[in-house]
Amino acid sequence: MFAYDSYIRRSGQSWKIWLSLILLTIAGMAVFIGLFSINRIDESSSAVIVLGGIFLGLIEFVWVSVSVRCRKCGTRPVWNAFRREPHDSWLASLLNDKQCPRCGDDGSDLKL
């Protein structure tokens, strides 16, 4: 998934991407369960599950877009990739970038 020498991995922020993917999976499962269990539970409970999944997905995306940052210039690589790259390649571009798209920091001298 990640390039071994990607900026996000070297800067110690890959855990944020993994947590984001887990939360996005949970959000998707909630929407799926809410939509396909409408015959088994009442409609209001199903709607709450679907809306909760959508809300979790939105919160997750905002969180990952804001929390993954360049430690030198403060740019947000996730948001940058989402805005500037084509819809079918922004994630691959983000996970394989070798340096910050703004300042060129490679994240290698981070002290964890």
Protein backbone atom coordinates (compact mmCIF):
# COMPACT_ATOMS: atom_id res chain seq x y z
CA MET A 1 0.00 0.00 0.00
CA PHE A 2 2.63 2.54 1.05
CA ALA A 3 5.82 2.98 -0.86
CA TYR A 4 8.58 2.02 1.55
CA ASP A 5 10.13 5.45 1.32
CA SER A 6 6.95 7.55 1.12
CA TYR A 7 6.82 10.88 2.90
CA ILE A 8 3.92 9.89 5.13
CA ARG A 9 5.67 6.73 6.28
CA ARG A 10 9.02 8.43 6.89
CA SER A 11 7.39 11.30 8.77
CA GLY A 12 5.75 8.85 11.17
CA GLN A 13 2.17 9.61 10.14
CA SER A 14 1.18 6.35 8.47
CA TRP A 15 -0.80 5.36 11.57
CA LYS A 16 -3.20 8.21 10.78
CA ILE A 17 -3.85 6.79 7.33
CA TRP A 18 -4.40 3.29 8.77
CA LEU A 19 -6.80 4.60 11.42
CA SER A 20 -8.61 6.56 8.74
CA LEU A 21 -9.04 3.44 6.62
CA ILE A 22 -10.38 1.50 9.61
CA LEU A 23 -12.88 4.26 10.42
CA LEU A 24 -13.92 4.51 6.78
CA THR A 25 -14.53 0.74 6.71
CA ILE A 26 -16.66 0.98 9.86
CA ALA A 27 -18.61 3.89 8.35
CA GLY A 28 -19.23 1.94 5.15
CA MET A 29 -20.34 -1.11 7.09
CA ALA A 30 -22.77 1.02 9.12
CA VAL A 31 -24.33 2.44 5.97
CA PHE A 32 -24.56 -1.05 4.43
CA ILE A 33 -26.09 -2.57 7.57
CA GLY A 34 -28.54 0.31 7.93
CA LEU A 35 -29.69 0.07 4.33
CA PHE A 36 -30.06 -3.69 4.19
CA SER A 37 -31.60 -4.23 7.60
CA ILE A 38 -34.53 -1.94 6.96
CA ASN A 39 -36.91 -4.95 6.90
CA ARG A 40 -35.58 -6.39 10.17
CA ILE A 41 -35.62 -3.26 12.34
CA ASP A 42 -37.81 -0.18 12.37
CA GLU A 43 -37.14 2.52 9.80
CA SER A 44 -36.03 5.17 12.29
CA SER A 45 -33.31 2.91 13.71
CA SER A 46 -32.16 2.07 10.22
CA ALA A 47 -32.01 5.77 9.33
CA VAL A 48 -29.97 6.52 12.47
CA ILE A 49 -27.47 3.78 11.53
CA VAL A 50 -27.15 5.05 7.95
CA LEU A 51 -26.79 8.69 9.00
CA GLY A 52 -24.32 7.71 11.71
CA GLY A 53 -22.19 5.91 9.12
CA ILE A 54 -22.29 8.90 6.79
CA PHE A 55 -21.42 11.27 9.64
CA LEU A 56 -18.51 9.04 10.75
CA GLY A 57 -17.20 8.95 7.18
CA LEU A 58 -17.33 12.74 6.89
CA ILE A 59 -15.67 13.27 10.28
CA GLU A 60 -12.98 10.72 9.37
CA PHE A 61 -12.20 12.48 6.10
CA VAL A 62 -12.00 15.91 7.73
CA TRP A 63 -9.81 14.51 10.53
CA VAL A 64 -7.30 12.81 8.22
CA SER A 65 -7.21 15.84 5.93
CA VAL A 66 -6.35 18.13 8.84
CA SER A 67 -4.16 15.86 10.97
CA VAL A 68 -1.62 14.70 8.37
CA ARG A 69 0.67 17.71 8.09
CA CYS A 70 4.15 18.60 6.99
CA ARG A 71 6.17 19.27 10.12
CA LYS A 72 8.17 22.02 8.43
CA CYS A 73 5.73 24.09 6.38
CA GLY A 74 2.40 22.85 7.78
CA THR A 75 0.86 21.92 4.45
CA ARG A 76 -1.74 19.15 4.47
CA PRO A 77 -0.67 16.45 1.98
CA VAL A 78 -3.98 14.53 2.11
CA TRP A 79 -6.04 17.60 1.31
CA ASN A 80 -3.48 18.70 -1.26
CA ALA A 81 -3.61 15.35 -3.06
CA PHE A 82 -7.40 15.23 -2.91
CA ARG A 83 -7.70 18.71 -4.40
CA ARG A 84 -5.00 18.61 -7.04
CA GLU A 85 -4.81 15.03 -8.30
CA PRO A 86 -7.32 13.30 -10.60
CA HIS A 87 -10.08 11.38 -8.84
CA ASP A 88 -8.67 8.00 -9.82
CA SER A 89 -5.09 8.61 -8.71
CA TRP A 90 -5.05 10.96 -5.70
CA LEU A 91 -4.72 8.18 -3.14
CA ALA A 92 -1.92 6.38 -4.98
CA SER A 93 -0.14 9.70 -5.44
CA LEU A 94 -0.50 10.51 -1.74
CA LEU A 95 0.80 7.13 -0.58
CA ASN A 96 3.76 7.17 -2.95
CA ASP A 97 4.95 10.79 -2.70
CA LYS A 98 8.55 10.93 -1.55
CA GLN A 99 8.46 14.48 -0.18
CA CYS A 100 6.18 17.26 0.90
CA PRO A 101 4.48 18.73 -2.19
CA ARG A 102 5.06 22.28 -0.98
CA CYS A 103 8.48 22.56 0.71
CA GLY A 104 10.20 19.35 -0.40
CA ASP A 105 10.80 18.02 3.14
CA ASP A 106 11.43 14.29 2.95
CA GLY A 107 10.56 13.53 6.59
CA SER A 108 13.68 11.46 7.14
CA ASP A 109 15.21 13.29 10.09
CA LEU A 110 12.15 12.98 12.31
CA LYS A 111 12.97 12.00 15.87
CA LEU A 112 10.27 9.66 17.19
